[in-house]
Protein backbone atom coordinates (compact mmCIF):
# COMPACT_ATOMS: atom_id res chain seq x y z
CA UNK A 1 0.00 0.00 0.00
CA UNK A 2 1.30 3.28 -1.02
CA UNK A 3 0.89 6.10 1.31
CA UNK A 4 -0.80 9.02 -0.32
CA UNK A 5 0.50 12.36 0.63
CA UNK A 6 -2.02 14.87 1.80
CA UNK A 7 -1.43 18.51 1.27
CA UNK A 8 -0.12 20.28 4.31
CA UNK A 9 -3.22 22.13 5.37
CA UNK A 10 -2.92 24.32 8.38
CA UNK A 11 -5.70 26.46 9.71
CA UNK A 12 -5.23 30.09 8.90
CA UNK A 13 -4.27 32.19 11.85
CA UNK A 14 -6.58 35.11 12.48
CA UNK A 15 -5.17 38.36 11.21
CA UNK A 16 -3.17 40.27 13.75
CA UNK A 17 -5.16 43.12 15.22
CA UNK A 18 -4.15 46.52 13.94
CA UNK A 19 -4.30 49.66 15.96
CA UNK A 20 -7.08 51.99 14.83
CA UNK A 21 -6.39 55.62 13.87
CA UNK A 22 -7.76 56.82 17.20
CA UNK A 23 -5.32 54.49 18.95
CA UNK A 24 -2.42 56.02 17.03
CA UNK A 25 -3.55 59.51 18.03
CA UNK A 26 -3.67 58.38 21.66
CA UNK A 27 -0.19 56.89 21.33
CA UNK A 28 1.15 60.17 19.94
CA UNK A 29 -0.41 62.24 22.72
CA UNK A 30 0.78 59.85 25.45
CA UNK A 31 4.29 60.00 23.97
CA UNK A 32 4.26 63.81 24.05
CA UNK A 33 2.93 63.63 27.62
CA UNK A 34 5.80 61.35 28.62
CA UNK A 35 8.44 63.62 27.09
CA UNK A 36 6.98 66.70 28.78
CA UNK A 37 6.61 64.83 32.08
CA UNK A 38 10.25 63.73 32.00
CA UNK A 39 11.30 67.33 31.39
CA UNK A 40 9.69 68.56 34.59
CA UNK A 41 12.21 67.03 37.04
CA UNK A 42 15.03 68.33 34.84
CA UNK A 43 13.71 71.89 35.06
CA UNK A 44 13.18 71.53 38.80
CA UNK A 45 16.74 70.28 39.15
CA UNK A 46 18.05 73.28 37.18
CA UNK A 47 16.21 75.57 39.58
CA UNK A 48 17.34 73.70 42.69
CA UNK A 49 20.95 73.84 41.52
CA UNK A 50 20.86 77.62 41.70
CA UNK A 51 19.74 78.75 38.24
CA UNK A 52 16.59 80.67 39.05
CA UNK A 53 15.50 80.76 35.40
CA UNK A 54 14.83 77.03 35.86
CA UNK A 55 11.73 77.92 37.86
CA UNK A 56 10.15 79.72 34.91
CA UNK A 57 10.94 76.68 32.72
CA UNK A 58 9.37 74.44 35.38
CA UNK A 59 6.21 76.59 35.42
CA UNK A 60 6.06 76.57 31.60
CA UNK A 61 6.55 72.79 31.68
CA UNK A 62 3.72 72.44 34.19
CA UNK A 63 1.41 74.34 31.85
CA UNK A 64 2.49 72.13 28.97
CA UNK A 65 2.07 68.86 30.90
CA UNK A 66 -1.39 69.93 32.07
CA UNK A 67 -2.45 70.93 28.56
CA UNK A 68 -1.22 67.66 27.09
CA UNK A 69 -3.03 65.79 29.89
CA UNK A 70 -6.30 67.43 28.85
CA UNK A 71 -5.63 66.63 25.19
CA UNK A 72 -4.92 63.05 26.24
CA UNK A 73 -8.37 62.83 27.80
CA UNK A 74 -9.83 63.91 24.45
CA UNK A 75 -7.83 61.26 22.59
CA UNK A 76 -8.88 58.65 25.16
CA UNK A 77 -12.53 59.60 24.66
CA UNK A 78 -12.06 58.98 20.93
CA UNK A 79 -10.57 55.56 21.72
CA UNK A 80 -13.50 54.80 24.00
CA UNK A 81 -16.01 55.74 21.30
CA UNK A 82 -14.24 54.19 18.29
CA UNK A 83 -12.44 51.21 19.85
CA UNK A 84 -14.70 50.56 22.85
CA UNK A 85 -11.82 50.57 25.32
CA UNK A 86 -12.48 52.59 28.46
CA UNK A 87 -9.28 51.94 30.43
CA UNK A 88 -7.22 54.63 28.64
CA UNK A 89 -9.88 57.19 29.52
CA UNK A 90 -9.92 56.27 33.21
CA UNK A 91 -6.12 56.21 33.39
CA UNK A 92 -5.89 59.57 31.61
CA UNK A 93 -8.51 61.11 33.88
CA UNK A 94 -6.68 59.86 36.98
CA UNK A 95 -3.43 61.37 35.68
CA UNK A 96 -5.14 64.69 34.92
CA UNK A 97 -6.63 64.77 38.40
CA UNK A 98 -3.21 64.10 39.91
CA UNK A 99 -1.64 66.75 37.68
CA UNK A 100 -4.19 69.29 38.86
CA UNK A 101 -3.34 68.54 42.50
CA UNK A 102 0.35 68.65 41.56
CA UNK A 103 -0.05 72.04 39.91
CA UNK A 104 -1.78 73.62 42.89
CA UNK A 105 0.63 72.04 45.38
CA UNK A 106 3.51 73.56 43.44
CA UNK A 107 1.87 76.98 43.26
CA UNK A 108 1.24 76.83 47.01
CA UNK A 109 4.82 75.73 47.74
CA UNK A 110 3.71 72.47 49.39
CA UNK A 111 6.84 70.55 48.43
CA UNK A 112 5.94 67.74 50.85
CA UNK A 113 3.13 66.89 48.37
CA UNK A 114 4.53 68.34 45.14
CA UNK A 115 7.69 66.24 44.93
CA UNK A 116 6.31 62.74 45.75
CA UNK A 117 3.20 63.36 43.66
CA UNK A 118 5.42 64.40 40.76
CA UNK A 119 7.37 61.15 41.03
CA UNK A 120 4.12 59.16 41.08
CA UNK A 121 2.76 61.05 38.08
CA UNK A 122 5.86 60.49 35.95
CA UNK A 123 5.68 56.79 36.85
CA UNK A 124 1.98 56.73 35.94
CA UNK A 125 2.59 58.45 32.61
CA UNK A 126 5.40 55.99 31.85
CA UNK A 127 3.13 53.07 32.75
CA UNK A 128 0.36 54.33 30.49
CA UNK A 129 2.90 54.90 27.72
CA UNK A 130 4.01 51.27 28.01
CA UNK A 131 0.42 50.01 28.09
CA UNK A 132 -0.75 51.85 24.96
CA UNK A 133 2.35 50.90 22.98
CA UNK A 134 2.43 47.23 24.02
CA UNK A 135 -1.20 46.45 23.27
CA UNK A 136 -2.87 46.95 19.92
CA UNK A 137 -5.95 49.13 20.03
CA UNK A 138 -7.96 47.63 17.15
CA UNK A 139 -11.38 48.82 16.21
CA UNK A 140 -13.90 46.35 17.52
CA UNK A 141 -16.28 45.00 14.96
CA UNK A 142 -19.89 44.23 15.60
CA UNK A 143 -20.77 40.56 15.65
CA UNK A 144 -22.68 39.42 12.57
CA UNK A 145 -25.86 37.55 13.35
CA UNK A 146 -26.26 34.26 11.52
CA UNK A 147 -30.06 34.22 11.74
CA UNK A 148 -30.42 37.31 9.60
């Protein structure tokens, strides 16, 4: 008996999920947020090392970080609507709330809160950056009903 060869048939793997356009916008905003957030301790260090112009850079950086945080909420809302993922919105809102407290603590001179909260915020921004870049944010498709 001769053994007949059967064609090597392997099931097709499902296509890899691709990040939707709204996900790419969120990634861009989170990346800008991370860069601005990492600049803040640098500007604070310039000020603390005796260059008093560093304080004006730190204030300008705080305005920039807060503005990008608000823009990030907008991008996260788009991801929630288009991709049906809510976690980026909740993470972005938590960061914006922390940044608001951070801003007012800095303006009030409450360094006992300003410094540790700043460390926590930079860590949170970095964590969100890693999360949005490691996971695809594909657009979810509606299930097709078989019964018509």
